[in-house]
Amino acid sequence: MNDECFALEVLVLERRTALLLGASGLVGGELLKLLLQSDLYRQVTIFVRTPLPLEHEKLQQVVADFARLESYERYFSVDDVFCCLGTTRKKAKTKQQFIQVDYEYTLRAAALAEKCRAKSFLTISSIGANPCSPFFYQRVKGETEEALQRLSIPSLHIFRPSLLVGKRREFRLGEALAGWLLCRLPFLFVGKWKKYKPVDASQLALAMFYRAASAADGIHIYECDELARIS
């Protein structure tokens, strides 16, 4: 038996706990399914603005005000914190509102995970994330990554997907058209362009699930083209 299989077997015996932020989103919804179906977790807590029409024996839904995240500190005393929070410039309306969700909420959640001694924190960034990027979206993502790496979380996992495809609750015409077109042009994504290939939300969710199960300490950053191998 290799080390990774042994570690996973031990984790199953331990039955872990998880906190998921962003369960109503594209990736968060897929990840929630995996967490509830898995014998690896005995309890899954989610923060929602409006309760999801879902019941499960190990699911705990907490209606939370994300602007007052510190008020829910006790829920961060779990093994794994999954952060699938994120918005778009169009939906956020202003740059400051975008920063509030993608930077501030994510960093505050990670700080609470650190304070409550969570074993791992897993979050979604973006391809091209760079604090020095001339592009606002990639720059904010890069600044978020940089701030996260300054925390003392035993196991930090950052995922950098390209365009995410899947069935969203709200329809985004631009993303739908881009996803439809790019998924039909696979020959474009070879060599150095491979990492730009669109990623299915279920694939990213599975990669996040597996990385949490691996219990690998340290800081880990996964580029888009690594997600298929992990999942």
C-alpha atoms as a PDB file:
ATOM      1  CA  MET A   1       0.000   0.000   0.000  1.00  0.00           C
ATOM      2  CA  ASN A   2       1.487   3.391  -0.958  1.00  0.00           C
ATOM      3  CA  ASP A   3       1.660   6.314   1.466  1.00  0.00           C
ATOM      4  CA  GLU A   4      -1.218   8.247  -0.099  1.00  0.00           C
ATOM      5  CA  CYS A   5      -3.598   5.262   0.081  1.00  0.00           C
ATOM      6  CA  PHE A   6      -2.567   4.631   3.688  1.00  0.00           C
ATOM      7  CA  ALA A   7      -3.164   8.283   4.599  1.00  0.00           C
ATOM      8  CA  LEU A   8      -6.605   8.233   2.976  1.00  0.00           C
ATOM      9  CA  GLU A   9      -7.524   5.021   4.827  1.00  0.00           C
ATOM     10  CA  VAL A  10      -6.536   6.573   8.160  1.00  0.00           C
ATOM     11  CA  LEU A  11      -8.544   9.714   7.358  1.00  0.00           C
ATOM     12  CA  VAL A  12     -11.661   7.659   6.615  1.00  0.00           C
ATOM     13  CA  LEU A  13     -11.334   6.034  10.037  1.00  0.00           C
ATOM     14  CA  GLU A  14     -11.039   9.472  11.653  1.00  0.00           C
ATOM     15  CA  ARG A  15     -14.152  10.889   9.911  1.00  0.00           C
ATOM     16  CA  ARG A  16     -13.408  14.532   9.220  1.00  0.00           C
ATOM     17  CA  THR A  17     -15.439  17.738   9.494  1.00  0.00           C
ATOM     18  CA  ALA A  18     -15.678  20.432   6.839  1.00  0.00           C
ATOM     19  CA  LEU A  19     -16.854  24.006   6.417  1.00  0.00           C
ATOM     20  CA  LEU A  20     -17.823  25.105   2.912  1.00  0.00           C
ATOM     21  CA  LEU A  21     -18.245  28.729   1.869  1.00  0.00           C
ATOM     22  CA  GLY A  22     -19.898  29.320  -1.486  1.00  0.00           C
ATOM     23  CA  ALA A  23     -22.035  26.166  -1.587  1.00  0.00           C
ATOM     24  CA  SER A  24     -24.619  27.805  -3.842  1.00  0.00           C
ATOM     25  CA  GLY A  25     -22.078  28.537  -6.565  1.00  0.00           C
ATOM     26  CA  LEU A  26     -20.987  26.477  -9.551  1.00  0.00           C
ATOM     27  CA  VAL A  27     -17.994  24.722  -7.955  1.00  0.00           C
ATOM     28  CA  GLY A  28     -19.323  24.893  -4.410  1.00  0.00           C
ATOM     29  CA  GLY A  29     -22.471  23.026  -5.402  1.00  0.00           C
ATOM     30  CA  GLU A  30     -20.457  20.207  -6.968  1.00  0.00           C
ATOM     31  CA  LEU A  31     -18.149  20.063  -3.970  1.00  0.00           C
ATOM     32  CA  LEU A  32     -21.067  19.885  -1.551  1.00  0.00           C
ATOM     33  CA  LYS A  33     -22.349  16.773  -3.329  1.00  0.00           C
ATOM     34  CA  LEU A  34     -18.950  15.098  -2.949  1.00  0.00           C
ATOM     35  CA  LEU A  35     -18.634  15.969   0.740  1.00  0.00           C
ATOM     36  CA  LEU A  36     -22.087  14.670   1.594  1.00  0.00           C
ATOM     37  CA  GLN A  37     -21.651  11.463  -0.399  1.00  0.00           C
ATOM     38  CA  SER A  38     -18.229  10.663   1.038  1.00  0.00           C
ATOM     39  CA  ASP A  39     -17.601   8.493   4.091  1.00  0.00           C
ATOM     40  CA  LEU A  40     -14.576  10.687   4.731  1.00  0.00           C
ATOM     41  CA  TYR A  41     -16.736  13.375   6.387  1.00  0.00           C
ATOM     42  CA  ARG A  42     -19.098  12.993   9.318  1.00  0.00           C
ATOM     43  CA  GLN A  43     -20.284  16.615   9.323  1.00  0.00           C
ATOM     44  CA  VAL A  44     -20.443  19.321   6.662  1.00  0.00           C
ATOM     45  CA  THR A  45     -21.317  22.906   7.537  1.00  0.00           C
ATOM     46  CA  ILE A  46     -22.156  25.474   4.871  1.00  0.00           C
ATOM     47  CA  PHE A  47     -22.586  29.241   5.093  1.00  0.00           C
ATOM     48  CA  VAL A  48     -25.476  30.492   2.985  1.00  0.00           C
ATOM     49  CA  ARG A  49     -27.368  33.749   2.558  1.00  0.00           C
ATOM     50  CA  THR A  50     -30.558  31.806   1.865  1.00  0.00           C
ATOM     51  CA  PRO A  51     -31.046  28.161   2.948  1.00  0.00           C
ATOM     52  CA  LEU A  52     -30.617  25.639   0.160  1.00  0.00           C
ATOM     53  CA  PRO A  53     -33.552  23.289  -0.548  1.00  0.00           C
ATOM     54  CA  LEU A  54     -31.494  20.352   0.658  1.00  0.00           C
ATOM     55  CA  GLU A  55     -31.560  18.077   3.672  1.00  0.00           C
ATOM     56  CA  HIS A  56     -28.958  15.526   4.727  1.00  0.00           C
ATOM     57  CA  GLU A  57     -28.159  13.879   8.031  1.00  0.00           C
ATOM     58  CA  LYS A  58     -24.663  15.343   8.180  1.00  0.00           C
ATOM     59  CA  LEU A  59     -25.436  18.757   6.652  1.00  0.00           C
ATOM     60  CA  GLN A  60     -25.608  21.864   8.820  1.00  0.00           C
ATOM     61  CA  GLN A  61     -26.749  25.066   7.096  1.00  0.00           C
ATOM     62  CA  VAL A  62     -25.859  28.398   8.696  1.00  0.00           C
ATOM     63  CA  VAL A  63     -27.508  31.563   7.376  1.00  0.00           C
ATOM     64  CA  ALA A  64     -24.558  33.924   7.585  1.00  0.00           C
ATOM     65  CA  ASP A  65     -23.826  37.592   7.054  1.00  0.00           C
ATOM     66  CA  PHE A  66     -20.459  37.486   5.293  1.00  0.00           C
ATOM     67  CA  ALA A  67     -19.779  41.088   6.266  1.00  0.00           C
ATOM     68  CA  ARG A  68     -19.749  39.857   9.890  1.00  0.00           C
ATOM     69  CA  LEU A  69     -17.768  36.677   9.302  1.00  0.00           C
ATOM     70  CA  GLU A  70     -15.978  36.858  12.653  1.00  0.00           C
ATOM     71  CA  SER A  71     -19.334  36.383  14.388  1.00  0.00           C
ATOM     72  CA  TYR A  72     -19.299  32.789  13.167  1.00  0.00           C
ATOM     73  CA  GLU A  73     -15.822  31.922  14.422  1.00  0.00           C
ATOM     74  CA  ARG A  74     -16.932  28.750  16.211  1.00  0.00           C
ATOM     75  CA  TYR A  75     -17.863  27.102  12.908  1.00  0.00           C
ATOM     76  CA  PHE A  76     -14.258  27.293  11.719  1.00  0.00           C
ATOM     77  CA  SER A  77     -13.165  24.662  14.259  1.00  0.00           C
ATOM     78  CA  VAL A  78     -13.154  21.943  11.598  1.00  0.00           C
ATOM     79  CA  ASP A  79     -10.597  19.846   9.770  1.00  0.00           C
ATOM     80  CA  ASP A  80     -11.019  21.372   6.316  1.00  0.00           C
ATOM     81  CA  VAL A  81     -12.266  24.777   5.177  1.00  0.00           C
ATOM     82  CA  PHE A  82     -13.267  24.985   1.515  1.00  0.00           C
ATOM     83  CA  CYS A  83     -13.626  28.511   0.159  1.00  0.00           C
ATOM     84  CA  CYS A  84     -15.495  28.722  -3.147  1.00  0.00           C
ATOM     85  CA  LEU A  85     -16.430  32.379  -2.801  1.00  0.00           C
ATOM     86  CA  GLY A  86     -16.127  34.537  -5.875  1.00  0.00           C
ATOM     87  CA  THR A  87     -17.959  37.029  -8.033  1.00  0.00           C
ATOM     88  CA  THR A  88     -17.553  38.915 -11.309  1.00  0.00           C
ATOM     89  CA  ARG A  89     -17.023  42.588 -12.090  1.00  0.00           C
ATOM     90  CA  LYS A  90     -20.477  42.709 -13.695  1.00  0.00           C
ATOM     91  CA  LYS A  91     -22.239  41.136 -10.720  1.00  0.00           C
ATOM     92  CA  ALA A  92     -20.246  43.100  -8.138  1.00  0.00           C
ATOM     93  CA  LYS A  93     -20.949  46.380  -9.978  1.00  0.00           C
ATOM     94  CA  THR A  94     -17.933  48.154  -8.466  1.00  0.00           C
ATOM     95  CA  LYS A  95     -14.268  47.287  -8.004  1.00  0.00           C
ATOM     96  CA  GLN A  96     -14.602  47.700  -4.248  1.00  0.00           C
ATOM     97  CA  GLN A  97     -17.462  45.213  -4.043  1.00  0.00           C
ATOM     98  CA  PHE A  98     -15.425  42.750  -6.085  1.00  0.00           C
ATOM     99  CA  ILE A  99     -12.460  43.187  -3.735  1.00  0.00           C
ATOM    100  CA  GLN A 100     -14.751  42.703  -0.742  1.00  0.00           C
ATOM    101  CA  VAL A 101     -15.854  39.243  -1.907  1.00  0.00           C
ATOM    102  CA  ASP A 102     -12.771  37.866  -3.636  1.00  0.00           C
ATOM    103  CA  TYR A 103     -10.119  39.349  -1.354  1.00  0.00           C
ATOM    104  CA  GLU A 104     -11.569  40.402   1.990  1.00  0.00           C
ATOM    105  CA  TYR A 105     -14.043  37.570   2.599  1.00  0.00           C
ATOM    106  CA  THR A 106     -11.554  34.939   1.464  1.00  0.00           C
ATOM    107  CA  LEU A 107      -8.727  36.304   3.606  1.00  0.00           C
ATOM    108  CA  ARG A 108     -10.934  36.738   6.673  1.00  0.00           C
ATOM    109  CA  ALA A 109     -12.171  33.171   6.304  1.00  0.00           C
ATOM    110  CA  ALA A 110      -8.586  31.931   6.083  1.00  0.00           C
ATOM    111  CA  ALA A 111      -7.590  33.971   9.152  1.00  0.00           C
ATOM    112  CA  LEU A 112     -10.432  32.384  11.113  1.00  0.00           C
ATOM    113  CA  ALA A 113      -9.373  28.944   9.898  1.00  0.00           C
ATOM    114  CA  GLU A 114      -5.865  29.706  11.140  1.00  0.00           C
ATOM    115  CA  LYS A 115      -7.152  30.961  14.505  1.00  0.00           C
ATOM    116  CA  CYS A 116      -9.350  27.892  15.014  1.00  0.00           C
ATOM    117  CA  ARG A 117      -6.539  25.577  13.932  1.00  0.00           C
ATOM    118  CA  ALA A 118      -8.192  24.055  10.916  1.00  0.00           C
ATOM    119  CA  LYS A 119      -5.910  21.517   9.270  1.00  0.00           C
ATOM    120  CA  SER A 120      -6.388  22.746   5.724  1.00  0.00           C
ATOM    121  CA  PHE A 121      -7.746  25.684   3.734  1.00  0.00           C
ATOM    122  CA  LEU A 122      -8.601  25.208   0.074  1.00  0.00           C
ATOM    123  CA  THR A 123      -9.604  28.067  -2.206  1.00  0.00           C
ATOM    124  CA  ILE A 124     -10.193  28.944  -5.855  1.00  0.00           C
ATOM    125  CA  SER A 125      -8.024  31.585  -7.479  1.00  0.00           C
ATOM    126  CA  SER A 126      -7.568  32.112 -11.226  1.00  0.00           C
ATOM    127  CA  ILE A 127      -5.229  31.367 -14.057  1.00  0.00           C
ATOM    128  CA  GLY A 128      -2.762  34.234 -14.407  1.00  0.00           C
ATOM    129  CA  ALA A 129      -3.144  35.338 -10.780  1.00  0.00           C
ATOM    130  CA  ASN A 130      -0.356  37.827 -10.106  1.00  0.00           C
ATOM    131  CA  PRO A 131      -0.226  40.784  -7.666  1.00  0.00           C
ATOM    132  CA  CYS A 132       1.670  42.732 -10.356  1.00  0.00           C
ATOM    133  CA  SER A 133      -0.749  41.965 -13.198  1.00  0.00           C
ATOM    134  CA  PRO A 134      -1.972  44.933 -15.261  1.00  0.00           C
ATOM    135  CA  PHE A 135      -5.417  43.277 -15.271  1.00  0.00           C
ATOM    136  CA  PHE A 136      -7.633  44.037 -12.284  1.00  0.00           C
ATOM    137  CA  TYR A 137      -9.127  40.537 -11.878  1.00  0.00           C
ATOM    138  CA  GLN A 138      -5.794  38.693 -11.984  1.00  0.00           C
ATOM    139  CA  ARG A 139      -4.169  41.328  -9.776  1.00  0.00           C
ATOM    140  CA  VAL A 140      -6.770  40.951  -7.003  1.00  0.00           C
ATOM    141  CA  LYS A 141      -6.482  37.165  -7.199  1.00  0.00           C
ATOM    142  CA  GLY A 142      -2.694  37.442  -6.980  1.00  0.00           C
ATOM    143  CA  GLU A 143      -2.883  39.751  -3.984  1.00  0.00           C
ATOM    144  CA  THR A 144      -5.246  37.316  -2.305  1.00  0.00           C
ATOM    145  CA  GLU A 145      -2.858  34.418  -2.890  1.00  0.00           C
ATOM    146  CA  GLU A 146       0.043  36.448  -1.537  1.00  0.00           C
ATOM    147  CA  ALA A 147      -1.866  37.354   1.639  1.00  0.00           C
ATOM    148  CA  LEU A 148      -2.993  33.760   2.179  1.00  0.00           C
ATOM    149  CA  GLN A 149       0.573  32.498   2.021  1.00  0.00           C
ATOM    150  CA  ARG A 150       1.552  34.777   4.893  1.00  0.00           C
ATOM    151  CA  LEU A 151      -0.807  32.906   7.234  1.00  0.00           C
ATOM    152  CA  SER A 152       0.194  29.845   9.253  1.00  0.00           C
ATOM    153  CA  ILE A 153      -2.247  27.229   8.011  1.00  0.00           C
ATOM    154  CA  PRO A 154      -0.774  23.697   8.058  1.00  0.00           C
ATOM    155  CA  SER A 155      -2.110  22.805   4.611  1.00  0.00           C
ATOM    156  CA  LEU A 156      -2.940  25.562   2.086  1.00  0.00           C
ATOM    157  CA  HIS A 157      -4.229  24.638  -1.382  1.00  0.00           C
ATOM    158  CA  ILE A 158      -4.791  27.241  -4.110  1.00  0.00           C
ATOM    159  CA  PHE A 159      -6.408  26.253  -7.401  1.00  0.00           C
ATOM    160  CA  ARG A 160      -5.960  28.334 -10.567  1.00  0.00           C
ATOM    161  CA  PRO A 161      -8.605  27.266 -13.090  1.00  0.00           C
ATOM    162  CA  SER A 162      -9.151  28.767 -16.518  1.00  0.00           C
ATOM    163  CA  LEU A 163     -12.715  29.379 -17.710  1.00  0.00           C
ATOM    164  CA  LEU A 164     -15.114  27.321 -15.585  1.00  0.00           C
ATOM    165  CA  VAL A 165     -17.926  25.548 -17.387  1.00  0.00           C
ATOM    166  CA  GLY A 166     -21.032  23.931 -15.976  1.00  0.00           C
ATOM    167  CA  LYS A 167     -24.666  24.616 -15.250  1.00  0.00           C
ATOM    168  CA  ARG A 168     -24.898  27.833 -13.266  1.00  0.00           C
ATOM    169  CA  ARG A 169     -27.914  29.042 -11.327  1.00  0.00           C
ATOM    170  CA  GLU A 170     -27.733  32.332 -13.200  1.00  0.00           C
ATOM    171  CA  PHE A 171     -27.161  32.479 -16.955  1.00  0.00           C
ATOM    172  CA  ARG A 172     -23.998  34.275 -18.127  1.00  0.00           C
ATOM    173  CA  LEU A 173     -24.164  34.778 -21.875  1.00  0.00           C
ATOM    174  CA  GLY A 174     -20.486  35.660 -22.360  1.00  0.00           C
ATOM    175  CA  GLU A 175     -19.248  32.637 -20.403  1.00  0.00           C
ATOM    176  CA  ALA A 176     -21.747  30.329 -22.069  1.00  0.00           C
ATOM    177  CA  LEU A 177     -20.667  31.369 -25.554  1.00  0.00           C
ATOM    178  CA  ALA A 178     -16.966  31.221 -24.692  1.00  0.00           C
ATOM    179  CA  GLY A 179     -17.332  27.812 -23.076  1.00  0.00           C
ATOM    180  CA  TRP A 180     -19.308  26.428 -26.018  1.00  0.00           C
ATOM    181  CA  LEU A 181     -16.738  27.688 -28.513  1.00  0.00           C
ATOM    182  CA  LEU A 182     -13.566  26.741 -26.652  1.00  0.00           C
ATOM    183  CA  CYS A 183     -14.785  23.242 -25.785  1.00  0.00           C
ATOM    184  CA  ARG A 184     -15.183  22.612 -29.500  1.00  0.00           C
ATOM    185  CA  LEU A 185     -11.653  23.705 -30.356  1.00  0.00           C
ATOM    186  CA  PRO A 186      -9.492  21.267 -28.343  1.00  0.00           C
ATOM    187  CA  PHE A 187      -6.599  21.558 -30.815  1.00  0.00           C
ATOM    188  CA  LEU A 188      -5.946  25.058 -29.495  1.00  0.00           C
ATOM    189  CA  PHE A 189      -4.954  23.770 -26.056  1.00  0.00           C
ATOM    190  CA  VAL A 190      -1.677  21.951 -26.605  1.00  0.00           C
ATOM    191  CA  GLY A 191       1.823  22.614 -25.352  1.00  0.00           C
ATOM    192  CA  LYS A 192       2.119  25.880 -23.423  1.00  0.00           C
ATOM    193  CA  TRP A 193      -1.553  26.647 -24.170  1.00  0.00           C
ATOM    194  CA  LYS A 194      -2.794  23.525 -22.405  1.00  0.00           C
ATOM    195  CA  LYS A 195      -3.353  25.353 -19.129  1.00  0.00           C
ATOM    196  CA  TYR A 196      -5.922  27.643 -20.766  1.00  0.00           C
ATOM    197  CA  LYS A 197      -8.321  24.810 -21.552  1.00  0.00           C
ATOM    198  CA  PRO A 198     -11.792  25.336 -19.980  1.00  0.00           C
ATOM    199  CA  VAL A 199     -12.356  23.364 -16.787  1.00  0.00           C
ATOM    200  CA  ASP A 200     -15.569  21.629 -15.829  1.00  0.00           C
ATOM    201  CA  ALA A 201     -16.720  22.683 -12.357  1.00  0.00           C
ATOM    202  CA  SER A 202     -17.152  19.054 -11.299  1.00  0.00           C
ATOM    203  CA  GLN A 203     -13.510  18.362 -12.180  1.00  0.00           C
ATOM    204  CA  LEU A 204     -12.288  21.264 -10.050  1.00  0.00           C
ATOM    205  CA  ALA A 205     -14.509  20.189  -7.162  1.00  0.00           C
ATOM    206  CA  LEU A 206     -13.103  16.668  -7.347  1.00  0.00           C
ATOM    207  CA  ALA A 207      -9.531  17.998  -7.369  1.00  0.00           C
ATOM    208  CA  MET A 208     -10.264  20.053  -4.242  1.00  0.00           C
ATOM    209  CA  PHE A 209     -11.811  17.037  -2.538  1.00  0.00           C
ATOM    210  CA  TYR A 210      -8.815  14.819  -3.299  1.00  0.00           C
ATOM    211  CA  ARG A 211      -6.291  17.398  -2.166  1.00  0.00           C
ATOM    212  CA  ALA A 212      -8.073  17.770   1.164  1.00  0.00           C
ATOM    213  CA  ALA A 213      -8.060  13.996   1.536  1.00  0.00           C
ATOM    214  CA  SER A 214      -4.328  13.849   0.856  1.00  0.00           C
ATOM    215  CA  ALA A 215      -3.622  15.853   4.044  1.00  0.00           C
ATOM    216  CA  ALA A 216      -0.408  17.184   2.499  1.00  0.00           C
ATOM    217  CA  ASP A 217       1.168  19.905   4.630  1.00  0.00           C
ATOM    218  CA  GLY A 218       2.626  23.068   3.134  1.00  0.00           C
ATOM    219  CA  ILE A 219       1.573  25.529   0.440  1.00  0.00           C
ATOM    220  CA  HIS A 220       0.338  24.008  -2.813  1.00  0.00           C
ATOM    221  CA  ILE A 221      -0.646  25.926  -5.955  1.00  0.00           C
ATOM    222  CA  TYR A 222      -2.269  24.036  -8.827  1.00  0.00           C
ATOM    223  CA  GLU A 223      -2.269  25.378 -12.358  1.00  0.00           C
ATOM    224  CA  CYS A 224      -5.199  24.649 -14.618  1.00  0.00           C
ATOM    225  CA  ASP A 225      -3.525  21.836 -16.561  1.00  0.00           C
ATOM    226  CA  GLU A 226      -2.851  19.935 -13.299  1.00  0.00           C
ATOM    227  CA  LEU A 227      -6.514  19.626 -12.346  1.00  0.00           C
ATOM    228  CA  ALA A 228      -7.291  16.727 -14.691  1.00  0.00           C
ATOM    229  CA  ARG A 229      -4.339  14.738 -13.323  1.00  0.00           C
ATOM    230  CA  ILE A 230      -5.400  15.331  -9.710  1.00  0.00           C
ATOM    231  CA  SER A 231      -9.065  14.497 -10.264  1.00  0.00           C
END
